[in-house]
Amino acid sequence: MLMGSVRSNQMLSLTRPLSVRPRFAPKPLSLQTTRRLPLLTYQANTKPMAKSKKSYWLLKTEPSEWSWEDQRANGGVSQWDGVRNRQAVNNLKSMRPGDMCFFYHSGSGAASRRIVGVVKVTKPWYLIGDGDIDGAVDVKEVGELQQHVELKEIKQAAEKEKELKGFALLKQPRLSVVPVSEWVWEQLCEMGGGFSEGDELADAKEE
């Protein structure tokens, strides 16, 4: 809005605009141009924002501490906490509700390392406890893969597929929260024979 001064029996005259302007307003016209205009208005950008794209992740867990069976027995919902690595924590903080995650059994033996199911993020990063460091996200079971995808199978497939070769699960084997590209996600789901998406489809119908 422009400020002006009122003179007796005279119309409102325009002076220079305020330095503060609406956050998303177009850039103001120059002062010289403004003086030639009887009125200067700002038009906000009312175009709706595009819906954010879903992201994909892989969450590692020791089955002796928290297994797929534990996840299902808990009503399919769990608080994913206990992550200490800075990069892994940043990945957790980047998650948004609706993001999909592979549930991965890490284990001490190579034979136990595999993708067993899929969960989705239901609550983004939040602090837990009394401090300002420890946090978690909430995830909910979506479905179990028809066939568990072992780490050795992923490594074998990576020998033929260039994009799989750059997969962080293989490049950073100690990272517990791993970003997954959409292409890799689809490939791994195909290798696992797919999974039940009953809960997710039910959510979509409710919307």
N, C-alpha and C. Protein backbone atom coordinates (compact mmCIF):
# COMPACT_ATOMS: atom_id res chain seq x y z
N MET A 1 0.86 -1.19 0.00
CA MET A 1 0.00 0.00 0.00
C MET A 1 0.89 1.24 0.00
N LEU A 2 0.43 2.30 -0.73
CA LEU A 2 1.22 3.53 -0.81
C LEU A 2 0.70 4.55 0.19
N MET A 3 1.62 5.31 0.78
CA MET A 3 1.25 6.35 1.74
C MET A 3 1.11 7.68 1.00
N GLY A 4 0.25 8.51 1.47
CA GLY A 4 0.08 9.80 0.84
C GLY A 4 -0.29 10.85 1.87
N SER A 5 -0.37 12.07 1.49
CA SER A 5 -0.78 13.15 2.40
C SER A 5 -2.05 13.78 1.87
N VAL A 6 -2.88 14.22 2.77
CA VAL A 6 -4.18 14.78 2.37
C VAL A 6 -4.14 16.28 2.53
N ARG A 7 -4.46 16.97 1.48
CA ARG A 7 -4.59 18.43 1.55
C ARG A 7 -6.07 18.77 1.49
N SER A 8 -6.44 19.90 2.06
CA SER A 8 -7.84 20.29 2.10
C SER A 8 -8.39 20.39 0.70
N ASN A 9 -9.62 19.79 0.54
CA ASN A 9 -10.33 19.81 -0.74
C ASN A 9 -9.48 19.29 -1.89
N GLN A 10 -8.44 18.54 -1.60
CA GLN A 10 -7.61 17.99 -2.66
C GLN A 10 -7.67 16.46 -2.57
N MET A 11 -7.44 15.82 -3.72
CA MET A 11 -7.44 14.35 -3.75
C MET A 11 -6.14 13.85 -3.14
N LEU A 12 -6.16 12.59 -2.77
CA LEU A 12 -4.99 11.94 -2.18
C LEU A 12 -3.87 11.89 -3.20
N SER A 13 -2.69 12.40 -2.84
CA SER A 13 -1.55 12.37 -3.75
C SER A 13 -0.61 11.26 -3.34
N LEU A 14 0.07 10.68 -4.31
CA LEU A 14 0.95 9.54 -4.06
C LEU A 14 2.37 10.01 -3.80
N THR A 15 3.01 9.37 -2.87
CA THR A 15 4.42 9.59 -2.60
C THR A 15 5.14 8.29 -2.84
N ARG A 16 6.39 8.25 -2.48
CA ARG A 16 7.17 7.04 -2.76
C ARG A 16 6.64 5.85 -1.96
N PRO A 17 6.72 4.65 -2.50
CA PRO A 17 6.20 3.46 -1.81
C PRO A 17 7.07 3.09 -0.63
N LEU A 18 6.45 2.33 0.30
CA LEU A 18 7.20 1.83 1.44
C LEU A 18 8.23 0.82 0.98
N SER A 19 9.30 0.65 1.76
CA SER A 19 10.35 -0.30 1.38
C SER A 19 9.88 -1.73 1.60
N VAL A 20 8.94 -1.92 2.54
CA VAL A 20 8.44 -3.28 2.81
C VAL A 20 7.32 -3.59 1.84
N ARG A 21 7.35 -4.79 1.22
CA ARG A 21 6.32 -5.17 0.27
C ARG A 21 5.92 -6.61 0.52
N PRO A 22 4.77 -7.02 0.01
CA PRO A 22 4.34 -8.40 0.20
C PRO A 22 5.42 -9.36 -0.23
N ARG A 23 5.53 -10.46 0.50
CA ARG A 23 6.64 -11.41 0.28
C ARG A 23 6.71 -11.93 -1.14
N PHE A 24 5.56 -12.26 -1.73
CA PHE A 24 5.55 -12.85 -3.06
C PHE A 24 5.04 -11.87 -4.12
N ALA A 25 5.02 -10.58 -3.76
CA ALA A 25 4.53 -9.59 -4.72
C ALA A 25 5.55 -9.36 -5.83
N PRO A 26 5.09 -8.95 -7.01
CA PRO A 26 6.04 -8.62 -8.08
C PRO A 26 6.93 -7.46 -7.67
N LYS A 27 8.06 -7.31 -8.31
CA LYS A 27 8.98 -6.21 -8.02
C LYS A 27 8.29 -4.87 -8.27
N PRO A 28 8.38 -3.91 -7.31
CA PRO A 28 7.70 -2.62 -7.49
C PRO A 28 8.23 -1.86 -8.70
N LEU A 29 7.37 -1.01 -9.26
CA LEU A 29 7.79 -0.16 -10.36
C LEU A 29 8.74 0.90 -9.83
N SER A 30 9.51 1.51 -10.71
CA SER A 30 10.45 2.54 -10.28
C SER A 30 9.67 3.75 -9.77
N LEU A 31 10.34 4.59 -8.98
CA LEU A 31 9.69 5.77 -8.41
C LEU A 31 9.20 6.71 -9.50
N GLN A 32 9.99 6.85 -10.56
CA GLN A 32 9.61 7.75 -11.64
C GLN A 32 8.33 7.29 -12.30
N THR A 33 8.21 5.99 -12.50
CA THR A 33 7.01 5.44 -13.12
C THR A 33 5.83 5.56 -12.17
N THR A 34 6.07 5.37 -10.88
CA THR A 34 5.00 5.40 -9.90
C THR A 34 4.30 6.76 -9.86
N ARG A 35 5.04 7.86 -10.00
CA ARG A 35 4.46 9.20 -9.91
C ARG A 35 3.51 9.51 -11.06
N ARG A 36 3.64 8.78 -12.15
CA ARG A 36 2.76 9.05 -13.29
C ARG A 36 1.48 8.23 -13.22
N LEU A 37 1.39 7.34 -12.22
CA LEU A 37 0.23 6.48 -12.13
C LEU A 37 -0.74 7.00 -11.06
N PRO A 38 -2.03 6.98 -11.32
CA PRO A 38 -3.00 7.40 -10.32
C PRO A 38 -3.13 6.38 -9.20
N LEU A 39 -2.80 5.10 -9.46
CA LEU A 39 -2.95 4.07 -8.45
C LEU A 39 -1.99 2.94 -8.75
N LEU A 40 -1.38 2.42 -7.72
CA LEU A 40 -0.45 1.30 -7.88
C LEU A 40 -0.93 0.16 -7.00
N THR A 41 -1.19 -0.95 -7.59
CA THR A 41 -1.67 -2.10 -6.84
C THR A 41 -0.73 -3.27 -7.04
N TYR A 42 -0.76 -4.17 -6.08
CA TYR A 42 0.04 -5.39 -6.16
C TYR A 42 -0.91 -6.57 -6.34
N GLN A 43 -0.52 -7.47 -7.22
CA GLN A 43 -1.34 -8.64 -7.47
C GLN A 43 -0.57 -9.87 -7.00
N ALA A 44 -1.08 -10.54 -5.99
CA ALA A 44 -0.39 -11.70 -5.45
C ALA A 44 -0.50 -12.87 -6.41
N ASN A 45 0.49 -13.72 -6.38
CA ASN A 45 0.47 -14.92 -7.20
C ASN A 45 -0.43 -15.95 -6.54
N THR A 46 -1.61 -16.17 -7.13
CA THR A 46 -2.59 -17.07 -6.54
C THR A 46 -2.55 -18.45 -7.16
N LYS A 47 -1.58 -18.70 -8.02
CA LYS A 47 -1.48 -20.01 -8.65
C LYS A 47 -1.16 -21.06 -7.59
N PRO A 48 -1.95 -22.14 -7.50
CA PRO A 48 -1.71 -23.14 -6.46
C PRO A 48 -0.36 -23.82 -6.62
N MET A 49 0.28 -24.12 -5.49
CA MET A 49 1.57 -24.79 -5.53
C MET A 49 1.39 -26.24 -5.92
N ALA A 50 2.36 -26.75 -6.69
CA ALA A 50 2.30 -28.14 -7.11
C ALA A 50 2.53 -29.05 -5.91
N LYS A 51 1.83 -30.19 -5.91
CA LYS A 51 1.98 -31.15 -4.83
C LYS A 51 3.39 -31.71 -4.84
N SER A 52 3.99 -31.75 -3.66
CA SER A 52 5.37 -32.23 -3.56
C SER A 52 5.46 -33.68 -4.00
N LYS A 53 6.56 -34.03 -4.63
CA LYS A 53 6.75 -35.37 -5.14
C LYS A 53 7.13 -36.31 -4.01
N LYS A 54 6.60 -37.53 -4.08
CA LYS A 54 6.91 -38.54 -3.07
C LYS A 54 8.37 -38.95 -3.19
N SER A 55 9.00 -39.17 -2.04
CA SER A 55 10.39 -39.63 -2.00
C SER A 55 10.43 -41.06 -1.50
N TYR A 56 11.58 -41.71 -1.77
CA TYR A 56 11.74 -43.12 -1.41
C TYR A 56 13.02 -43.30 -0.60
N TRP A 57 12.97 -44.25 0.35
CA TRP A 57 14.07 -44.46 1.27
C TRP A 57 14.23 -45.94 1.58
N LEU A 58 15.32 -46.25 2.27
CA LEU A 58 15.53 -47.59 2.80
C LEU A 58 15.96 -47.45 4.26
N LEU A 59 15.28 -48.17 5.14
CA LEU A 59 15.56 -48.12 6.57
C LEU A 59 16.15 -49.45 7.01
N LYS A 60 17.32 -49.39 7.62
CA LYS A 60 17.98 -50.60 8.09
C LYS A 60 17.66 -50.86 9.56
N THR A 61 17.52 -52.12 9.90
CA THR A 61 17.30 -52.49 11.29
C THR A 61 17.85 -53.88 11.54
N GLU A 62 18.42 -54.07 12.72
CA GLU A 62 18.87 -55.39 13.13
C GLU A 62 17.63 -56.20 13.52
N PRO A 63 17.39 -57.32 12.87
CA PRO A 63 16.19 -58.09 13.20
C PRO A 63 16.13 -58.57 14.64
N SER A 64 17.29 -58.68 15.30
CA SER A 64 17.31 -59.08 16.70
C SER A 64 16.81 -57.95 17.60
N GLU A 65 16.85 -56.72 17.10
CA GLU A 65 16.38 -55.56 17.87
C GLU A 65 14.97 -55.14 17.45
N TRP A 66 14.75 -55.08 16.16
CA TRP A 66 13.40 -54.73 15.65
C TRP A 66 13.24 -55.35 14.26
N SER A 67 12.43 -56.38 14.19
CA SER A 67 12.25 -57.12 12.95
C SER A 67 10.95 -56.75 12.26
N TRP A 68 10.77 -57.29 11.07
CA TRP A 68 9.51 -57.08 10.34
C TRP A 68 8.34 -57.65 11.14
N GLU A 69 8.57 -58.77 11.81
CA GLU A 69 7.53 -59.38 12.64
C GLU A 69 7.16 -58.46 13.80
N ASP A 70 8.15 -57.80 14.37
CA ASP A 70 7.88 -56.84 15.44
C ASP A 70 7.04 -55.67 14.91
N GLN A 71 7.39 -55.22 13.73
CA GLN A 71 6.66 -54.10 13.12
C GLN A 71 5.19 -54.47 12.94
N ARG A 72 4.93 -55.65 12.44
CA ARG A 72 3.55 -56.08 12.18
C ARG A 72 2.80 -56.31 13.49
N ALA A 73 3.51 -56.89 14.48
CA ALA A 73 2.87 -57.19 15.76
C ALA A 73 2.50 -55.93 16.52
N ASN A 74 3.11 -54.80 16.17
CA ASN A 74 2.86 -53.53 16.85
C ASN A 74 1.76 -52.73 16.16
N GLY A 75 0.89 -53.43 15.47
CA GLY A 75 -0.17 -52.74 14.73
C GLY A 75 0.33 -52.08 13.48
N GLY A 76 1.54 -52.46 13.07
CA GLY A 76 2.12 -51.92 11.85
C GLY A 76 2.75 -50.56 12.00
N VAL A 77 2.70 -49.99 13.21
CA VAL A 77 3.19 -48.62 13.43
C VAL A 77 4.38 -48.64 14.39
N SER A 78 5.39 -47.84 14.11
CA SER A 78 6.54 -47.74 15.01
C SER A 78 7.17 -46.37 14.94
N GLN A 79 7.89 -46.05 15.99
CA GLN A 79 8.68 -44.81 16.06
C GLN A 79 10.10 -45.18 15.65
N TRP A 80 10.56 -44.63 14.53
CA TRP A 80 11.90 -44.98 14.03
C TRP A 80 12.91 -44.02 14.64
N ASP A 81 13.60 -44.50 15.68
CA ASP A 81 14.52 -43.64 16.40
C ASP A 81 15.87 -44.34 16.55
N GLY A 82 16.73 -43.79 17.39
CA GLY A 82 18.02 -44.40 17.66
C GLY A 82 19.08 -44.16 16.59
N VAL A 83 18.81 -43.29 15.64
CA VAL A 83 19.76 -42.99 14.56
C VAL A 83 20.74 -41.93 15.05
N ARG A 84 22.02 -42.18 14.87
CA ARG A 84 23.04 -41.26 15.37
C ARG A 84 23.88 -40.63 14.26
N ASN A 85 24.12 -41.36 13.19
CA ASN A 85 24.94 -40.84 12.10
C ASN A 85 24.32 -39.56 11.54
N ARG A 86 25.15 -38.53 11.34
CA ARG A 86 24.63 -37.22 10.93
C ARG A 86 23.92 -37.28 9.57
N GLN A 87 24.52 -37.97 8.62
CA GLN A 87 23.90 -38.07 7.30
C GLN A 87 22.58 -38.82 7.37
N ALA A 88 22.54 -39.89 8.17
CA ALA A 88 21.31 -40.65 8.32
C ALA A 88 20.23 -39.81 9.00
N VAL A 89 20.63 -39.02 10.01
CA VAL A 89 19.68 -38.14 10.69
C VAL A 89 19.12 -37.11 9.72
N ASN A 90 19.98 -36.53 8.89
CA ASN A 90 19.52 -35.55 7.91
C ASN A 90 18.54 -36.18 6.92
N ASN A 91 18.76 -37.45 6.58
CA ASN A 91 17.83 -38.15 5.69
C ASN A 91 16.48 -38.33 6.37
N LEU A 92 16.50 -38.66 7.66
CA LEU A 92 15.25 -38.77 8.40
C LEU A 92 14.51 -37.43 8.44
N LYS A 93 15.27 -36.36 8.64
CA LYS A 93 14.67 -35.02 8.70
C LYS A 93 14.07 -34.60 7.37
N SER A 94 14.54 -35.21 6.28
CA SER A 94 14.04 -34.87 4.94
C SER A 94 12.75 -35.60 4.60
N MET A 95 12.37 -36.57 5.41
CA MET A 95 11.18 -37.37 5.11
C MET A 95 9.91 -36.58 5.35
N ARG A 96 8.90 -36.88 4.53
CA ARG A 96 7.59 -36.25 4.64
C ARG A 96 6.51 -37.33 4.67
N PRO A 97 5.38 -37.04 5.29
CA PRO A 97 4.30 -38.03 5.32
C PRO A 97 3.95 -38.49 3.90
N GLY A 98 3.82 -39.80 3.76
CA GLY A 98 3.52 -40.37 2.45
C GLY A 98 4.74 -40.94 1.75
N ASP A 99 5.94 -40.53 2.18
CA ASP A 99 7.16 -41.12 1.62
C ASP A 99 7.17 -42.62 1.91
N MET A 100 7.72 -43.38 0.97
CA MET A 100 7.76 -44.84 1.10
C MET A 100 9.18 -45.29 1.43
N CYS A 101 9.27 -46.34 2.25
CA CYS A 101 10.57 -46.84 2.71
C CYS A 101 10.63 -48.36 2.61
N PHE A 102 11.75 -48.86 2.13
CA PHE A 102 12.01 -50.29 2.23
C PHE A 102 12.39 -50.60 3.67
N PHE A 103 11.90 -51.71 4.18
CA PHE A 103 12.25 -52.21 5.52
C PHE A 103 13.31 -53.27 5.31
N TYR A 104 14.53 -52.97 5.78
CA TYR A 104 15.70 -53.79 5.45
C TYR A 104 16.29 -54.43 6.70
N HIS A 105 16.39 -55.76 6.68
CA HIS A 105 17.08 -56.47 7.77
C HIS A 105 18.57 -56.43 7.49
N SER A 106 19.33 -55.81 8.40
CA SER A 106 20.77 -55.74 8.20
C SER A 106 21.44 -57.03 8.69
N GLY A 107 21.43 -57.29 9.96
CA GLY A 107 21.99 -58.52 10.48
C GLY A 107 23.50 -58.60 10.39
N SER A 108 24.09 -59.53 11.13
CA SER A 108 25.54 -59.70 11.15
C SER A 108 26.03 -60.59 10.02
N GLY A 109 25.18 -61.49 9.55
CA GLY A 109 25.58 -62.38 8.47
C GLY A 109 25.05 -61.91 7.14
N ALA A 110 25.83 -62.14 6.07
CA ALA A 110 25.43 -61.67 4.74
C ALA A 110 24.10 -62.27 4.29
N ALA A 111 23.82 -63.49 4.72
CA ALA A 111 22.60 -64.18 4.29
C ALA A 111 21.34 -63.51 4.84
N SER A 112 21.47 -62.79 5.94
CA SER A 112 20.29 -62.17 6.56
C SER A 112 20.02 -60.76 6.04
N ARG A 113 20.92 -60.21 5.25
CA ARG A 113 20.76 -58.84 4.77
C ARG A 113 19.85 -58.83 3.56
N ARG A 114 18.68 -58.25 3.75
CA ARG A 114 17.67 -58.29 2.68
C ARG A 114 16.56 -57.27 2.91
N ILE A 115 15.87 -56.93 1.83
CA ILE A 115 14.67 -56.10 1.92
C ILE A 115 13.50 -57.05 2.15
N VAL A 116 12.72 -56.79 3.20
CA VAL A 116 11.63 -57.71 3.52
C VAL A 116 10.25 -57.10 3.31
N GLY A 117 10.15 -55.80 3.40
CA GLY A 117 8.83 -55.18 3.27
C GLY A 117 8.90 -53.69 3.00
N VAL A 118 7.74 -53.06 3.07
CA VAL A 118 7.62 -51.63 2.77
C VAL A 118 6.80 -50.96 3.87
N VAL A 119 7.27 -49.82 4.33
CA VAL A 119 6.52 -48.98 5.27
C VAL A 119 6.42 -47.58 4.68
N LYS A 120 5.51 -46.80 5.20
CA LYS A 120 5.39 -45.41 4.74
C LYS A 120 5.47 -44.47 5.94
N VAL A 121 5.96 -43.29 5.70
CA VAL A 121 6.11 -42.28 6.75
C VAL A 121 4.74 -41.68 7.06
N THR A 122 4.38 -41.69 8.34
CA THR A 122 3.11 -41.11 8.75
C THR A 122 3.28 -39.83 9.56
N LYS A 123 4.48 -39.65 10.13
CA LYS A 123 4.75 -38.43 10.89
C LYS A 123 6.20 -38.02 10.66
N PRO A 124 6.44 -36.79 10.25
CA PRO A 124 7.82 -36.35 9.97
C PRO A 124 8.63 -36.19 11.24
N TRP A 125 9.88 -35.84 11.07
CA TRP A 125 10.84 -35.73 12.17
C TRP A 125 10.30 -34.89 13.32
N TYR A 126 10.46 -35.42 14.54
CA TYR A 126 10.10 -34.69 15.75
C TYR A 126 11.07 -35.09 16.85
N LEU A 127 11.26 -34.19 17.80
CA LEU A 127 12.19 -34.44 18.90
C LEU A 127 11.56 -35.35 19.94
N ILE A 128 12.40 -36.17 20.55
CA ILE A 128 11.94 -37.05 21.62
C ILE A 128 12.82 -36.85 22.85
N GLY A 129 12.31 -37.14 24.01
CA GLY A 129 13.08 -36.95 25.22
C GLY A 129 13.15 -35.49 25.62
N ASP A 130 14.08 -35.19 26.50
CA ASP A 130 14.22 -33.83 27.03
C ASP A 130 15.20 -32.97 26.25
N GLY A 131 16.03 -33.59 25.42
CA GLY A 131 17.04 -32.82 24.70
C GLY A 131 16.52 -32.26 23.39
N ASP A 132 17.44 -31.67 22.63
CA ASP A 132 17.08 -31.10 21.34
C ASP A 132 17.87 -31.77 20.21
N ILE A 133 18.30 -33.01 20.47
CA ILE A 133 19.10 -33.73 19.49
C ILE A 133 18.39 -34.99 19.00
N ASP A 134 17.99 -35.85 19.94
CA ASP A 134 17.36 -37.11 19.57
C ASP A 134 15.98 -36.88 18.98
N GLY A 135 15.71 -37.58 17.89
CA GLY A 135 14.42 -37.45 17.24
C GLY A 135 14.02 -38.72 16.53
N ALA A 136 12.89 -38.68 15.87
CA ALA A 136 12.37 -39.87 15.20
C ALA A 136 11.36 -39.48 14.15
N VAL A 137 10.99 -40.44 13.31
CA VAL A 137 9.84 -40.33 12.43
C VAL A 137 8.96 -41.54 12.74
N ASP A 138 7.68 -41.43 12.45
CA ASP A 138 6.77 -42.56 12.61
C ASP A 138 6.53 -43.21 11.25
N VAL A 139 6.54 -44.54 11.23
CA VAL A 139 6.29 -45.27 9.99
C VAL A 139 5.22 -46.33 10.23
N LYS A 140 4.54 -46.68 9.16
CA LYS A 140 3.45 -47.67 9.23
C LYS A 140 3.64 -48.72 8.15
N GLU A 141 3.38 -49.95 8.52
CA GLU A 141 3.50 -51.06 7.57
C GLU A 141 2.57 -50.87 6.37
N VAL A 142 3.10 -51.11 5.18
CA VAL A 142 2.30 -51.12 3.96
C VAL A 142 2.12 -52.55 3.48
N GLY A 143 3.21 -53.29 3.37
CA GLY A 143 3.09 -54.67 2.94
C GLY A 143 4.45 -55.35 2.86
N GLU A 144 4.40 -56.66 2.86
CA GLU A 144 5.61 -57.45 2.74
C GLU A 144 5.86 -57.81 1.29
N LEU A 145 7.13 -57.81 0.89
CA LEU A 145 7.46 -58.20 -0.47
C LEU A 145 7.11 -59.67 -0.68
N GLN A 146 6.65 -59.97 -1.88
CA GLN A 146 6.33 -61.35 -2.20
C GLN A 146 7.56 -62.24 -2.07
N GLN A 147 8.69 -61.71 -2.46
CA GLN A 147 9.97 -62.41 -2.33
C GLN A 147 10.98 -61.43 -1.74
N HIS A 148 11.58 -61.80 -0.64
CA HIS A 148 12.59 -60.93 -0.04
C HIS A 148 13.77 -60.76 -1.01
N VAL A 149 14.27 -59.52 -1.09
CA VAL A 149 15.37 -59.23 -2.01
C VAL A 149 16.66 -59.18 -1.21
N GLU A 150 17.52 -60.15 -1.43
CA GLU A 150 18.77 -60.23 -0.69
C GLU A 150 19.80 -59.25 -1.23
N LEU A 151 20.72 -58.86 -0.36
CA LEU A 151 21.77 -57.93 -0.75
C LEU A 151 22.61 -58.48 -1.90
N LYS A 152 22.88 -59.76 -1.87
CA LYS A 152 23.70 -60.36 -2.93
C LYS A 152 23.01 -60.28 -4.29
N GLU A 153 21.66 -60.33 -4.31
CA GLU A 153 20.91 -60.19 -5.55
C GLU A 153 21.03 -58.77 -6.10
N ILE A 154 20.99 -57.80 -5.18
CA ILE A 154 21.12 -56.40 -5.60
C ILE A 154 22.50 -56.16 -6.18
N LYS A 155 23.52 -56.73 -5.57
CA LYS A 155 24.88 -56.58 -6.07
C LYS A 155 25.03 -57.22 -7.45
N GLN A 156 24.41 -58.36 -7.65
CA GLN A 156 24.47 -59.03 -8.95
C GLN A 156 23.77 -58.20 -10.02
N ALA A 157 22.62 -57.64 -9.67
CA ALA A 157 21.88 -56.79 -10.62
C ALA A 157 22.66 -55.52 -10.94
N ALA A 158 23.42 -55.01 -9.97
CA ALA A 158 24.19 -53.78 -10.16
C ALA A 158 25.32 -53.97 -11.17
N GLU A 159 25.73 -55.19 -11.39
CA GLU A 159 26.78 -55.45 -12.38
C GLU A 159 26.28 -55.20 -13.80
N LYS A 160 24.96 -55.24 -13.97
CA LYS A 160 24.36 -55.03 -15.29
C LYS A 160 23.70 -53.66 -15.42
N GLU A 161 23.24 -53.12 -14.30
CA GLU A 161 22.52 -51.85 -14.32
C GLU A 161 23.38 -50.75 -13.69
N LYS A 162 23.72 -49.74 -14.48
CA LYS A 162 24.61 -48.67 -14.03
C LYS A 162 24.02 -47.90 -12.86
N GLU A 163 22.72 -47.61 -12.90
CA GLU A 163 22.11 -46.80 -11.84
C GLU A 163 22.08 -47.55 -10.51
N LEU A 164 21.93 -48.86 -10.57
CA LEU A 164 21.98 -49.65 -9.34
C LEU A 164 23.38 -49.65 -8.74
N LYS A 165 24.37 -49.54 -9.61
CA LYS A 165 25.76 -49.54 -9.14
C LYS A 165 26.03 -48.32 -8.26
N GLY A 166 25.33 -47.23 -8.50
CA GLY A 166 25.51 -46.03 -7.70
C GLY A 166 24.58 -45.94 -6.51
N PHE A 167 23.79 -46.97 -6.28
CA PHE A 167 22.84 -47.01 -5.17
C PHE A 167 23.59 -46.90 -3.84
N ALA A 168 23.13 -45.98 -2.98
CA ALA A 168 23.82 -45.70 -1.72
C ALA A 168 23.93 -46.93 -0.81
N LEU A 169 23.01 -47.87 -0.95
CA LEU A 169 23.10 -49.10 -0.15
C LEU A 169 24.39 -49.84 -0.44
N LEU A 170 24.86 -49.75 -1.68
CA LEU A 170 26.09 -50.41 -2.08
C LEU A 170 27.30 -49.50 -1.91
N LYS A 171 27.12 -48.20 -2.13
CA LYS A 171 28.22 -47.24 -2.04
C LYS A 171 28.56 -46.88 -0.59
N GLN A 172 27.54 -46.86 0.26
CA GLN A 172 27.73 -46.51 1.68
C GLN A 172 27.07 -47.59 2.54
N PRO A 173 27.68 -48.74 2.62
CA PRO A 173 27.04 -49.89 3.30
C PRO A 173 26.76 -49.69 4.78
N ARG A 174 27.40 -48.72 5.42
CA ARG A 174 27.18 -48.50 6.85
C ARG A 174 26.09 -47.45 7.12
N LEU A 175 25.57 -46.84 6.08
CA LEU A 175 24.53 -45.83 6.25
C LEU A 175 23.19 -46.52 6.55
N SER A 176 22.54 -46.11 7.63
CA SER A 176 21.33 -46.81 8.08
C SER A 176 20.03 -46.26 7.50
N VAL A 177 20.07 -45.04 6.98
CA VAL A 177 18.90 -44.45 6.32
C VAL A 177 19.34 -44.02 4.94
N VAL A 178 18.86 -44.73 3.92
CA VAL A 178 19.42 -44.60 2.58
C VAL A 178 18.38 -44.01 1.61
N PRO A 179 18.75 -42.96 0.86
CA PRO A 179 17.83 -42.45 -0.17
C PRO A 179 17.77 -43.42 -1.35
N VAL A 180 16.59 -43.54 -1.94
CA VAL A 180 16.37 -44.45 -3.06
C VAL A 180 15.74 -43.67 -4.20
N SER A 181 16.33 -43.76 -5.39
CA SER A 181 15.73 -43.08 -6.53
C SER A 181 14.47 -43.83 -6.96
N GLU A 182 13.61 -43.15 -7.67
CA GLU A 182 12.36 -43.77 -8.11
C GLU A 182 12.64 -44.97 -9.02
N TRP A 183 13.66 -44.84 -9.87
CA TRP A 183 14.00 -45.94 -10.79
C TRP A 183 14.48 -47.16 -10.00
N VAL A 184 15.35 -46.94 -9.02
CA VAL A 184 15.85 -48.05 -8.20
C VAL A 184 14.70 -48.66 -7.41
N TRP A 185 13.82 -47.82 -6.89
CA TRP A 185 12.66 -48.32 -6.15
C TRP A 185 11.86 -49.28 -7.01
N GLU A 186 11.56 -48.89 -8.21
CA GLU A 186 10.75 -49.72 -9.10
C GLU A 186 11.47 -51.03 -9.44
N GLN A 187 12.77 -50.95 -9.65
CA GLN A 187 13.54 -52.15 -9.97
C GLN A 187 13.53 -53.14 -8.81
N LEU A 188 13.73 -52.65 -7.61
CA LEU A 188 13.77 -53.52 -6.44
C LEU A 188 12.39 -54.10 -6.13
N CYS A 189 11.36 -53.31 -6.34
CA CYS A 189 10.00 -53.82 -6.14
C CYS A 189 9.72 -54.94 -7.14
N GLU A 190 10.18 -54.77 -8.36
CA GLU A 190 10.00 -55.80 -9.38
C GLU A 190 10.76 -57.07 -9.01
N MET A 191 11.98 -56.90 -8.50
CA MET A 191 12.76 -58.05 -8.08
C MET A 191 12.08 -58.81 -6.94
N GLY A 192 11.34 -58.07 -6.12
CA GLY A 192 10.65 -58.68 -4.99
C GLY A 192 9.25 -59.16 -5.30
N GLY A 193 8.83 -59.03 -6.54
CA GLY A 193 7.51 -59.50 -6.93
C GLY A 193 6.37 -58.62 -6.47
N GLY A 194 6.69 -57.40 -6.05
CA GLY A 194 5.66 -56.46 -5.62
C GLY A 194 5.27 -56.66 -4.16
N PHE A 195 4.36 -55.81 -3.68
CA PHE A 195 3.89 -55.88 -2.30
C PHE A 195 2.47 -55.36 -2.22
N SER A 196 1.79 -55.72 -1.16
CA SER A 196 0.41 -55.29 -0.97
C SER A 196 0.38 -53.81 -0.60
N GLU A 197 -0.48 -53.05 -1.28
CA GLU A 197 -0.62 -51.62 -0.99
C GLU A 197 -2.02 -51.31 -0.47
N GLY A 198 -2.61 -52.26 0.21
CA GLY A 198 -3.99 -52.09 0.66
C GLY A 198 -4.21 -50.84 1.47
N ASP A 199 -3.33 -50.59 2.46
CA ASP A 199 -3.50 -49.42 3.32
C ASP A 199 -3.37 -48.14 2.54
N GLU A 200 -2.39 -48.09 1.62
CA GLU A 200 -2.14 -46.87 0.86
C GLU A 200 -3.31 -46.56 -0.06
N LEU A 201 -3.88 -47.59 -0.71
CA LEU A 201 -5.00 -47.37 -1.59
C LEU A 201 -6.22 -46.91 -0.80
N ALA A 202 -6.40 -47.45 0.39
CA ALA A 202 -7.51 -47.03 1.24
C ALA A 202 -7.37 -45.56 1.60
N ASP A 203 -6.14 -45.11 1.90
CA ASP A 203 -5.90 -43.70 2.21
C ASP A 203 -6.25 -42.82 1.03
N ALA A 204 -5.86 -43.28 -0.18
CA ALA A 204 -6.12 -42.49 -1.40
C ALA A 204 -7.63 -42.32 -1.60
N LYS A 205 -8.42 -43.35 -1.30
CA LYS A 205 -9.87 -43.25 -1.49
C LYS A 205 -10.48 -42.28 -0.51
N GLU A 206 -9.91 -42.26 0.71
CA GLU A 206 -10.44 -41.35 1.72
C GLU A 206 -10.23 -39.90 1.33
N GLU A 207 -9.12 -39.63 0.60
CA GLU A 207 -8.84 -38.25 0.17
C GLU A 207 -9.78 -37.81 -0.91
